[in-house]
C-alpha cells in the first residue's frame, strides 16, 4: 500500500511538472527597439530599448501588451529554454485596451511549444500565477497571488477606462504582456502596477482579451463601442424628485450627446438611462455583473462588438420607454475628446518663420509641465462637427521676424485671417493657400499674432539648418 501511494504521489508530481513545463515553453521574452517622439520638439525623437513578456496562443500568434510594442521600429522574441532570437512584427494592436498580437515569420520558432488556451473571468480570492521576464532577466519568473478586486479602472497606456483585475502577485517592469494563469489557462494579461504600493498590480481580464481577439478575426481592429455621452450620476434625493425618478431607483442622467454618438437618434438631453440589456443601473452609475459585485455601467456596452444592438430602459419626462441602438462602425474612429493618446506615429507639426504649430494631444499634455488649466480642461470636451481638433502655437523659435514673441507657447489658435477651421489639416491649408500679405492668428479673446508671409518663407531654409530640423512640416502633411 505504501509503495502504491509513493507511485501515485510521484505520478501526480510528474504530471504537475509536465503541465508547468508546457506553460513555460509558451512564455516568450520580447525585445523592443522603439522610437520615442518628442512632442515638445516634434521633429525630434530618441531610440529606446526595452523588454516585455508574451504568451503563445493559437494560430502561431503571440499575445502581449500594446505598450510593450508601441512606437516599435524592430522586434525580436525568444522563447523559454532557447538562446536564439527571432524577428517578429505586430499583427494587430489595440492601444485602447493595451493589447497586441505578434507574428513570427520563421515558423521554426513555434517548434516544441503548446499554445495556451483561455479560461473564464476569475472570482475574488482565486489564486493566480503570473509568468514573465521582469527586470530584464533572461530566466522566466513565476509568482503567485490572489484576485483582490475586479472593477473598471483607468488603463494608463490609453487613459481610457475598462474592466480590470487587481492582483497581489509581484509585478515589475518586464512582466508587462505576460499571462496570468489559473488552472492552466490564461485569465488575464499583466498590464500595470502601482509603484508606491505593496504588490498591487493590474491585468487585462479575459473578457476584454476575448473581445479583442473576436474583433480582429476579420483582419481589422474596430475597437470598443464608444458611448459619446456626457453623463451624471443621480444620487441626490431632490434631484431624483426633480427628474421624476423614484427615490429607490437608480440611473444616469444624459447631459450631452456627441454628434457621432450611436445613441444620438434615440436619446435626448435629460433622459435617464435606468437599465442596459436588462441590467439595472444603480444610483452611483454601476451595474451588477456578479452577485454583490458592481462596476461601471458601460461594462455591458464593452461586451458588445460594433454592429450589435444594445437595449436601454429610459425614463423620459417621468415616462418609461425602451429603445434599441445599433452600435454602428461608421463613426468608430471619431474622436471622443480633443486630446487623445496617439502611438506608432511621429507628431504632426508645421513651422512658418520660426512659429511652430501642432495639434493638441494627450501625449503633448503629459510631456509638458505647464499647468495651463483652461487648456487641459478644454481638452476633455467633446469635439463638434465643425471643430475636431485644438490647434496650438507650440513655441516660437528665435528669428529675425519673431522677436517679441519668444515667450509665447501653448497658445490656442481659433482663427486664421478671420476664418475658423475644422482640424489641423484645415488650419495648415488655410495658412498655405492664403494670398494675404500677413498671416493673422487669433484666439477667442481677440488676441492676435501677425506673421509676414514672404519674410517667413524667405528664412525657412536658414531656420532648418540653424535648429537642425529636417523639414518644415511632418511627413503626414506632405
Protein backbone atom coordinates (compact mmCIF):
# COMPACT_ATOMS: atom_id res chain seq x y z
CA UNK A 1 0.00 0.00 0.00
CA UNK A 2 2.82 2.40 0.88
CA UNK A 3 4.55 1.65 -2.44
CA UNK A 4 1.27 2.33 -4.27
CA UNK A 5 0.93 5.70 -2.51
CA UNK A 6 4.53 6.59 -3.39
CA UNK A 7 3.92 5.76 -7.06
CA UNK A 8 0.65 7.73 -7.04
CA UNK A 9 2.32 10.77 -5.47
CA UNK A 10 5.22 10.53 -7.95
CA UNK A 11 2.85 10.37 -10.92
CA UNK A 12 0.90 13.38 -9.62
CA UNK A 13 4.09 15.36 -9.17
CA UNK A 14 5.34 14.34 -12.62
CA UNK A 15 2.04 15.32 -14.24
CA UNK A 16 2.19 18.66 -12.46
CA UNK A 17 5.75 19.29 -13.68
CA UNK A 18 4.90 18.41 -17.26
CA UNK A 19 1.96 20.79 -17.16
CA UNK A 20 4.12 23.57 -15.72
CA UNK A 21 6.81 22.96 -18.34
CA UNK A 22 4.21 23.15 -21.11
CA UNK A 23 3.29 26.61 -19.87
CA UNK A 24 6.94 27.65 -19.52
CA UNK A 25 7.63 26.80 -23.17
CA UNK A 26 4.75 29.03 -24.24
CA UNK A 27 6.09 32.14 -22.47
CA UNK A 28 8.28 34.43 -24.57
CA UNK A 29 10.51 37.40 -23.91
CA UNK A 30 10.01 40.35 -26.25
CA UNK A 31 12.86 42.69 -27.17
CA UNK A 32 11.70 46.07 -28.47
CA UNK A 33 13.58 48.88 -30.14
CA UNK A 34 11.28 51.88 -30.23
CA UNK A 35 11.40 55.45 -31.44
CA UNK A 36 10.01 57.75 -28.76
CA UNK A 37 8.74 61.04 -30.23
CA UNK A 38 9.48 64.34 -28.52
CA UNK A 39 6.15 66.17 -28.53
CA UNK A 40 7.69 69.45 -27.40
CA UNK A 41 10.15 69.32 -30.30
CA UNK A 42 8.04 67.28 -32.75
CA UNK A 43 10.83 66.87 -35.32
CA UNK A 44 12.99 65.02 -32.77
CA UNK A 45 12.87 61.51 -31.35
CA UNK A 46 15.04 59.19 -29.29
CA UNK A 47 15.63 55.47 -29.60
CA UNK A 48 14.89 53.24 -26.62
CA UNK A 49 15.43 49.57 -25.91
CA UNK A 50 13.09 47.69 -23.62
CA UNK A 51 11.76 44.22 -22.98
CA UNK A 52 8.47 42.64 -22.05
CA UNK A 53 6.71 39.33 -21.95
CA UNK A 54 4.15 37.48 -24.02
CA UNK A 55 2.48 34.12 -24.50
CA UNK A 56 1.99 31.85 -27.49
CA UNK A 57 -1.66 31.30 -28.38
CA UNK A 58 -3.48 29.64 -31.29
CA UNK A 59 -2.57 30.21 -34.96
CA UNK A 60 1.10 30.82 -34.13
CA UNK A 61 0.39 34.19 -32.55
CA UNK A 62 1.95 35.91 -29.53
CA UNK A 63 -0.30 37.84 -27.17
CA UNK A 64 1.18 40.78 -25.26
CA UNK A 65 0.57 44.40 -24.20
CA UNK A 66 0.32 47.24 -26.70
CA UNK A 67 2.69 49.34 -24.59
CA UNK A 68 5.37 46.66 -24.93
CA UNK A 69 5.50 47.23 -28.70
CA UNK A 70 4.26 50.84 -29.01
CA UNK A 71 6.28 53.01 -31.41
CA UNK A 72 8.39 49.97 -32.26
CA UNK A 73 10.95 50.01 -35.03
CA UNK A 74 12.34 46.49 -34.52
CA UNK A 75 11.04 43.48 -32.59
CA UNK A 76 12.61 40.20 -31.55
CA UNK A 77 11.25 37.34 -29.44
CA UNK A 78 12.88 34.50 -27.58
CA UNK A 79 11.12 31.50 -26.08
CA UNK A 80 11.96 29.85 -22.78
CA UNK A 81 14.80 27.35 -22.99
CA UNK A 82 16.15 28.79 -26.26
CA UNK A 83 19.04 31.21 -26.80
CA UNK A 84 18.08 32.28 -30.32
CA UNK A 85 16.13 35.46 -31.01
CA UNK A 86 13.59 35.53 -33.82
CA UNK A 87 12.41 38.63 -35.63
CA UNK A 88 8.73 39.47 -35.07
CA UNK A 89 6.22 42.06 -36.22
CA UNK A 90 2.94 43.46 -34.96
CA UNK A 91 -0.10 41.71 -36.41
CA UNK A 92 -2.87 43.63 -34.63
CA UNK A 93 -2.91 46.19 -31.84
CA UNK A 94 -5.48 47.73 -29.50
CA UNK A 95 -3.96 50.75 -27.82
CA UNK A 96 -7.35 51.34 -26.16
CA UNK A 97 -7.13 48.16 -24.11
CA UNK A 98 -3.32 47.76 -24.14
CA UNK A 99 -3.31 44.52 -26.12
CA UNK A 100 -1.33 43.38 -29.16
CA UNK A 101 -0.80 40.30 -31.31
CA UNK A 102 2.60 39.49 -32.82
CA UNK A 103 3.62 37.06 -35.53
CA UNK A 104 6.96 35.42 -36.29
CA UNK A 105 7.79 34.68 -39.92
CA UNK A 106 10.12 31.79 -39.09
CA UNK A 107 7.68 29.09 -38.05
CA UNK A 108 10.50 27.04 -36.52
CA UNK A 109 10.14 29.36 -33.56
CA UNK A 110 6.96 27.53 -32.59
CA UNK A 111 8.58 24.06 -32.53
CA UNK A 112 8.10 22.29 -29.19
CA UNK A 113 5.57 24.86 -27.99
CA UNK A 114 1.98 24.33 -26.98
CA UNK A 115 -0.44 27.25 -27.48
CA UNK A 116 -2.06 28.40 -24.26
CA UNK A 117 -5.84 28.41 -24.06
CA UNK A 118 -8.24 30.75 -22.32
CA UNK A 119 -10.20 30.36 -19.12
CA UNK A 120 -13.01 32.45 -17.68
CA UNK A 121 -13.14 35.58 -15.55
CA UNK A 122 -11.74 34.59 -12.13
CA UNK A 123 -13.54 35.20 -8.87
CA UNK A 124 -12.47 37.15 -5.82
CA UNK A 125 -9.81 35.32 -3.79
CA UNK A 126 -8.99 32.98 -6.70
CA UNK A 127 -5.33 32.04 -6.83
CA UNK A 128 -3.48 33.12 -9.99
CA UNK A 129 0.07 32.69 -11.29
CA UNK A 130 1.97 35.38 -13.19
CA UNK A 131 4.57 34.37 -15.78
CA UNK A 132 7.09 36.68 -17.40
CA UNK A 133 10.56 38.17 -17.58
CA UNK A 134 10.64 41.04 -15.07
CA UNK A 135 13.52 43.50 -14.65
CA UNK A 136 15.21 42.37 -17.85
CA UNK A 137 16.09 38.87 -16.59
CA UNK A 138 16.72 36.08 -19.08
CA UNK A 139 15.16 33.36 -16.95
CA UNK A 140 11.42 33.04 -16.62
CA UNK A 141 9.89 34.35 -13.41
CA UNK A 142 6.82 32.82 -11.80
CA UNK A 143 4.94 34.46 -8.93
CA UNK A 144 1.58 33.76 -7.35
CA UNK A 145 -1.14 35.88 -5.83
CA UNK A 146 -4.86 36.22 -5.43
CA UNK A 147 -7.55 38.23 -7.13
CA UNK A 148 -8.32 41.10 -4.76
CA UNK A 149 -10.60 43.38 -6.81
CA UNK A 150 -12.49 43.44 -10.12
CA UNK A 151 -13.84 46.75 -11.39
CA UNK A 152 -13.37 49.44 -14.02
CA UNK A 153 -10.05 51.26 -13.84
CA UNK A 154 -8.07 53.68 -15.97
CA UNK A 155 -5.67 51.95 -18.33
CA UNK A 156 -2.50 54.05 -18.17
CA UNK A 157 -1.50 53.36 -21.79
CA UNK A 158 -4.68 54.82 -23.30
CA UNK A 159 -6.17 56.84 -20.47
CA UNK A 160 -9.48 55.04 -21.05
CA UNK A 161 -11.50 53.07 -18.51
CA UNK A 162 -12.20 49.35 -18.88
CA UNK A 163 -12.75 46.37 -16.60
CA UNK A 164 -9.53 45.34 -14.87
CA UNK A 165 -8.46 42.82 -12.27
CA UNK A 166 -6.32 43.76 -9.29
CA UNK A 167 -3.96 41.08 -8.01
CA UNK A 168 -1.38 40.99 -5.23
CA UNK A 169 1.27 38.99 -7.12
CA UNK A 170 4.70 40.59 -7.52
CA UNK A 171 4.70 42.57 -10.79
CA UNK A 172 7.71 44.51 -12.04
CA UNK A 173 8.87 46.17 -15.27
CA UNK A 174 9.32 43.42 -17.86
CA UNK A 175 6.31 41.47 -16.60
CA UNK A 176 4.10 43.52 -18.91
CA UNK A 177 2.34 41.38 -21.50
CA UNK A 178 2.87 38.13 -19.65
CA UNK A 179 -0.09 35.85 -18.96
CA UNK A 180 -1.88 35.39 -15.68
CA UNK A 181 -2.74 31.72 -15.35
CA UNK A 182 -5.43 29.92 -13.39
CA UNK A 183 -5.99 26.15 -13.72
CA UNK A 184 -3.54 26.08 -16.63
CA UNK A 185 -5.42 28.67 -18.68
CA UNK A 186 -4.99 32.37 -19.39
CA UNK A 187 -7.40 34.52 -17.36
CA UNK A 188 -5.69 37.86 -17.97
CA UNK A 189 -2.68 39.74 -19.30
CA UNK A 190 -0.38 41.63 -16.91
CA UNK A 191 -0.75 45.34 -17.60
CA UNK A 192 0.42 47.79 -14.93
CA UNK A 193 1.28 48.25 -11.27
CA UNK A 194 1.09 50.93 -8.61
CA UNK A 195 4.75 51.68 -7.98
CA UNK A 196 4.33 53.16 -4.49
CA UNK A 197 2.09 50.39 -3.20
CA UNK A 198 2.83 46.95 -1.86
CA UNK A 199 2.17 44.28 -4.51
CA UNK A 200 -0.78 45.98 -6.22
CA UNK A 201 -0.84 45.07 -9.88
CA UNK A 202 -3.47 45.01 -12.60
CA UNK A 203 -4.23 42.76 -15.51
CA UNK A 204 -6.42 42.98 -18.58
CA UNK A 205 -9.21 40.48 -17.83
CA UNK A 206 -10.00 37.61 -20.16
CA UNK A 207 -13.35 39.17 -21.14
CA UNK A 208 -11.52 42.17 -22.65
CA UNK A 209 -8.91 39.90 -24.27
CA UNK A 210 -11.60 37.75 -25.91
CA UNK A 211 -13.39 40.87 -27.17
CA UNK A 212 -10.14 41.98 -28.85
CA UNK A 213 -9.48 38.57 -30.41
CA UNK A 214 -13.05 38.31 -31.73
CA UNK A 215 -12.84 41.83 -33.11
CA UNK A 216 -9.68 41.18 -35.17
CA UNK A 217 -10.84 37.89 -36.67
CA UNK A 218 -11.69 39.77 -39.88
CA UNK A 219 -8.18 41.24 -40.01
CA UNK A 220 -9.29 44.72 -38.89
CA UNK A 221 -9.48 46.30 -35.44
CA UNK A 222 -12.68 48.26 -34.83
CA UNK A 223 -12.32 48.72 -31.08
CA UNK A 224 -14.81 49.05 -28.27
CA UNK A 225 -18.05 50.94 -28.90
CA UNK A 226 -17.85 54.49 -27.60
CA UNK A 227 -20.87 55.96 -25.84
CA UNK A 228 -20.34 59.55 -26.92
CA UNK A 229 -22.43 60.79 -23.99
CA UNK A 230 -21.73 63.16 -21.11
CA UNK A 231 -23.47 61.65 -18.08
CA UNK A 232 -24.07 62.43 -14.43
CA UNK A 233 -24.99 60.19 -11.54
CA UNK A 234 -28.29 60.82 -9.80
CA UNK A 235 -27.83 60.19 -6.09
CA UNK A 236 -29.32 63.34 -4.61
CA UNK A 237 -32.95 62.83 -3.43
CA UNK A 238 -34.02 66.31 -4.54
CA UNK A 239 -32.53 65.76 -7.96
CA UNK A 240 -34.39 62.46 -8.25
CA UNK A 241 -37.62 64.21 -7.32
CA UNK A 242 -36.99 66.91 -9.94
CA UNK A 243 -36.49 64.33 -12.70
CA UNK A 244 -39.49 62.26 -11.50
CA UNK A 245 -37.31 59.32 -10.56
CA UNK A 246 -38.38 57.11 -7.68
CA UNK A 247 -36.21 57.56 -4.60
CA UNK A 248 -35.24 53.88 -4.57
CA UNK A 249 -34.50 53.75 -8.29
CA UNK A 250 -31.17 54.38 -9.96
CA UNK A 251 -29.97 55.61 -13.31
CA UNK A 252 -27.67 58.01 -15.10
CA UNK A 253 -28.63 61.41 -16.46
CA UNK A 254 -27.85 62.25 -20.10
CA UNK A 255 -26.25 65.73 -20.08
CA UNK A 256 -24.92 65.98 -23.63
CA UNK A 257 -24.73 63.75 -26.71
CA UNK A 258 -21.84 63.80 -29.17
CA UNK A 259 -22.91 64.28 -32.78
CA UNK A 260 -21.28 60.94 -33.73
CA UNK A 261 -22.73 59.01 -30.77
CA UNK A 262 -24.58 55.80 -31.73
CA UNK A 263 -27.26 56.96 -29.26
CA UNK A 264 -27.84 60.38 -30.85
CA UNK A 265 -31.07 59.38 -32.62
CA UNK A 266 -32.71 57.63 -29.64
CA UNK A 267 -31.64 59.60 -26.58
CA UNK A 268 -32.34 63.19 -25.57
CA UNK A 269 -30.84 65.55 -23.06
CA UNK A 270 -32.25 64.94 -19.54
CA UNK A 271 -33.15 61.33 -20.34
CA UNK A 272 -32.37 58.94 -17.50
CA UNK A 273 -31.00 55.54 -18.50
CA UNK A 274 -32.23 53.10 -15.86
CA UNK A 275 -31.12 49.77 -17.33
CA UNK A 276 -28.90 48.36 -20.05
CA UNK A 277 -29.58 44.97 -21.65
CA UNK A 278 -31.96 44.33 -18.78
CA UNK A 279 -29.38 45.07 -16.08
CA UNK A 280 -30.44 47.70 -13.57
CA UNK A 281 -28.24 50.78 -13.25
CA UNK A 282 -27.73 51.86 -9.66
CA UNK A 283 -27.76 55.45 -8.40
CA UNK A 284 -23.95 55.56 -8.44
CA UNK A 285 -23.85 54.56 -12.11
CA UNK A 286 -22.79 50.96 -11.55
CA UNK A 287 -24.28 47.64 -12.58
CA UNK A 288 -24.09 44.20 -11.05
CA UNK A 289 -22.01 41.81 -13.15
CA UNK A 290 -21.89 39.17 -10.43
CA UNK A 291 -23.69 38.71 -7.15
CA UNK A 292 -22.69 41.58 -4.85
CA UNK A 293 -20.09 42.79 -7.37
CA UNK A 294 -20.57 46.08 -9.20
CA UNK A 295 -18.70 48.04 -11.83
CA UNK A 296 -19.28 50.93 -14.26
CA UNK A 297 -22.47 50.52 -16.27
CA UNK A 298 -20.58 50.70 -19.59
CA UNK A 299 -19.41 47.15 -18.83
CA UNK A 300 -22.45 45.92 -20.75
CA UNK A 301 -21.61 48.19 -23.69
CA UNK A 302 -17.99 47.00 -23.67
CA UNK A 303 -19.18 43.41 -24.03
CA UNK A 304 -20.70 44.26 -27.43
CA UNK A 305 -18.95 44.40 -30.77
CA UNK A 306 -19.64 47.14 -33.29
CA UNK A 307 -22.64 46.16 -35.40
CA UNK A 308 -24.53 44.58 -32.48
CA UNK A 309 -27.55 46.02 -30.71
CA UNK A 310 -27.79 47.25 -27.14
CA UNK A 311 -31.12 47.67 -25.32
CA UNK A 312 -31.79 50.58 -22.97
CA UNK A 313 -34.57 51.31 -20.49
CA UNK A 314 -35.10 55.06 -20.33
CA UNK A 315 -37.13 57.42 -18.16
CA UNK A 316 -38.17 60.47 -20.20
CA UNK A 317 -40.32 63.17 -18.58
CA UNK A 318 -41.40 60.62 -15.98
CA UNK A 319 -42.46 58.03 -18.59
CA UNK A 320 -40.71 54.69 -19.11
CA UNK A 321 -39.64 53.76 -22.63
CA UNK A 322 -37.44 51.06 -24.13
CA UNK A 323 -35.08 51.62 -27.04
CA UNK A 324 -32.58 49.58 -29.04
CA UNK A 325 -29.40 51.01 -30.52
CA UNK A 326 -27.21 49.51 -33.24
CA UNK A 327 -23.57 50.15 -32.49
CA UNK A 328 -22.52 51.31 -35.94
CA UNK A 329 -18.91 51.03 -37.13
CA UNK A 330 -19.19 54.07 -39.39
CA UNK A 331 -18.08 56.54 -36.72
CA UNK A 332 -15.96 54.16 -34.64
CA UNK A 333 -12.78 56.11 -35.46
CA UNK A 334 -14.21 59.52 -34.49
CA UNK A 335 -12.53 61.37 -31.67
CA UNK A 336 -14.29 61.32 -28.31
CA UNK A 337 -12.27 64.21 -26.85
CA UNK A 338 -9.95 66.94 -28.10
CA UNK A 339 -6.83 65.35 -26.60
CA UNK A 340 -6.25 61.64 -27.05
CA UNK A 341 -3.16 59.44 -26.89
CA UNK A 342 -1.52 58.53 -30.17
CA UNK A 343 1.07 55.86 -30.89
CA UNK A 344 3.06 54.38 -33.76
CA UNK A 345 3.49 57.74 -35.49
CA UNK A 346 5.56 60.89 -35.27
CA UNK A 347 3.83 64.06 -34.05
CA UNK A 348 2.13 66.30 -36.60
CA UNK A 349 3.66 69.77 -36.84
CA UNK A 350 4.17 72.75 -39.16
CA UNK A 351 6.66 75.63 -38.96
CA UNK A 352 6.44 79.06 -40.53
CA UNK A 353 9.28 81.50 -39.93
CA UNK A 354 10.10 80.05 -36.51
CA UNK A 355 6.47 79.77 -35.40
CA UNK A 356 5.80 76.07 -34.66
CA UNK A 357 2.24 74.73 -34.76
CA UNK A 358 0.85 71.38 -33.68
CA UNK A 359 -2.48 69.76 -32.75
CA UNK A 360 -3.16 69.14 -29.09
CA UNK A 361 -2.72 65.52 -27.98
CA UNK A 362 -2.66 63.82 -24.63
CA UNK A 363 0.98 62.94 -25.33
CA UNK A 364 1.80 66.65 -25.50
CA UNK A 365 -0.10 67.44 -22.31
CA UNK A 366 1.76 64.66 -20.48
CA UNK A 367 5.10 65.87 -21.82
CA UNK A 368 4.51 69.41 -20.59
CA UNK A 369 4.82 70.60 -17.01
CA UNK A 370 2.84 73.75 -17.74
CA UNK A 371 -0.36 73.90 -15.66
CA UNK A 372 -2.43 75.73 -18.33
CA UNK A 373 -5.67 74.66 -16.65
CA UNK A 374 -8.07 76.18 -19.22
CA UNK A 375 -6.35 74.24 -22.00
CA UNK A 376 -6.32 71.00 -20.05
CA UNK A 377 -9.99 71.41 -19.16
CA UNK A 378 -10.92 72.24 -22.75
CA UNK A 379 -9.08 69.13 -23.93
CA UNK A 380 -11.63 66.92 -22.15
CA UNK A 381 -14.59 68.36 -24.07
CA UNK A 382 -16.39 66.67 -26.96
CA UNK A 383 -15.32 67.72 -30.46
CA UNK A 384 -18.07 69.13 -32.67
CA UNK A 385 -18.70 68.55 -36.34
CA UNK A 386 -17.07 71.88 -37.20
CA UNK A 387 -14.30 71.72 -34.60
CA UNK A 388 -12.41 68.44 -34.46
CA UNK A 389 -9.02 69.44 -33.08
CA UNK A 390 -7.39 72.09 -30.93
CA UNK A 391 -4.52 73.79 -32.76
CA UNK A 392 -1.66 75.29 -30.78
CA UNK A 393 1.19 77.65 -31.41
CA UNK A 394 3.55 75.29 -29.63
CA UNK A 395 6.60 77.54 -29.45
CA UNK A 396 8.39 80.39 -31.21
CA UNK A 397 11.99 79.87 -32.35
CA UNK A 398 14.20 82.94 -32.40
CA UNK A 399 14.38 84.51 -35.84
CA UNK A 400 14.53 87.94 -37.45
CA UNK A 401 10.73 88.10 -37.74
CA UNK A 402 9.72 86.54 -34.40
CA UNK A 403 11.33 88.99 -31.98
CA UNK A 404 8.99 89.84 -29.12
CA UNK A 405 7.06 86.56 -29.45
CA UNK A 406 9.67 84.20 -27.95
CA UNK A 407 7.67 83.81 -24.74
CA UNK A 408 4.52 82.58 -26.50
CA UNK A 409 3.87 78.85 -26.14
CA UNK A 410 0.89 76.50 -25.90
CA UNK A 411 -1.28 79.29 -27.32
CA UNK A 412 -4.64 78.10 -28.65
CA UNK A 413 -5.47 79.38 -32.14
CA UNK A 414 -9.11 79.76 -33.17
CA UNK A 415 -8.94 81.75 -36.42
CA UNK A 416 -6.63 82.31 -39.37
CA UNK A 417 -7.22 85.67 -41.10
CA UNK A 418 -10.69 85.73 -39.55
CA UNK A 419 -11.62 82.20 -40.68
CA UNK A 420 -12.33 79.27 -38.37
CA UNK A 421 -11.06 75.79 -39.21
CA UNK A 422 -12.12 72.19 -38.52
CA UNK A 423 -8.84 70.50 -37.67
CA UNK A 424 -5.08 70.83 -38.02
CA UNK A 425 -5.00 69.90 -41.70
CA UNK A 426 -7.67 72.53 -42.37
CA UNK A 427 -5.56 75.06 -40.46
CA UNK A 428 -2.46 74.05 -42.44
CA UNK A 429 -4.35 74.51 -45.70
CA UNK A 430 -5.65 77.96 -44.72
CA UNK A 431 -2.16 79.18 -43.85
CA UNK A 432 -0.58 77.82 -47.03
CA UNK A 433 -3.23 78.83 -49.55
CA UNK A 434 -3.92 82.33 -48.29
CA UNK A 435 -2.84 85.11 -50.67
CA UNK A 436 -2.81 87.77 -47.95
CA UNK A 437 0.43 89.61 -47.13
CA UNK A 438 0.03 88.74 -43.44
CA UNK A 439 -0.97 85.55 -41.68
CA UNK A 440 -3.08 86.74 -38.75
CA UNK A 441 -3.57 84.22 -35.95
CA UNK A 442 -6.29 84.94 -33.41
CA UNK A 443 -7.73 83.32 -30.29
CA UNK A 444 -11.28 83.56 -28.95
CA UNK A 445 -10.33 86.52 -26.75
CA UNK A 446 -9.24 88.54 -29.77
CA UNK A 447 -5.50 88.39 -29.10
CA UNK A 448 -3.50 88.28 -32.34
CA UNK A 449 -0.11 87.29 -33.69
CA UNK A 450 0.84 88.64 -37.11
CA UNK A 451 3.35 86.92 -39.42
CA UNK A 452 4.69 88.42 -42.65
CA UNK A 453 4.26 85.51 -45.06
CA UNK A 454 7.03 86.36 -47.55
CA UNK A 455 9.62 87.15 -44.87
CA UNK A 456 8.73 83.93 -43.07
CA UNK A 457 9.13 81.82 -46.22
CA UNK A 458 12.42 83.52 -47.08
CA UNK A 459 14.09 82.37 -43.85
CA UNK A 460 12.67 78.82 -43.70
CA UNK A 461 15.81 77.07 -45.02
CA UNK A 462 18.05 79.12 -42.75
CA UNK A 463 15.98 78.12 -39.70
CA UNK A 464 16.03 74.44 -40.66
CA UNK A 465 19.83 74.49 -40.67
CA UNK A 466 20.15 76.66 -37.54
CA UNK A 467 17.92 74.41 -35.41
CA UNK A 468 18.79 71.09 -37.11
CA UNK A 469 15.22 70.49 -38.19
CA UNK A 470 14.68 68.04 -41.03
CA UNK A 471 11.60 69.62 -42.61
CA UNK A 472 9.18 72.49 -42.14
CA UNK A 473 6.28 70.06 -41.72
CA UNK A 474 5.69 66.48 -40.66
CA UNK A 475 5.51 63.80 -43.34
CA UNK A 476 1.76 63.26 -42.88
CA UNK A 477 1.10 66.80 -44.15
CA UNK A 478 3.09 66.45 -47.36
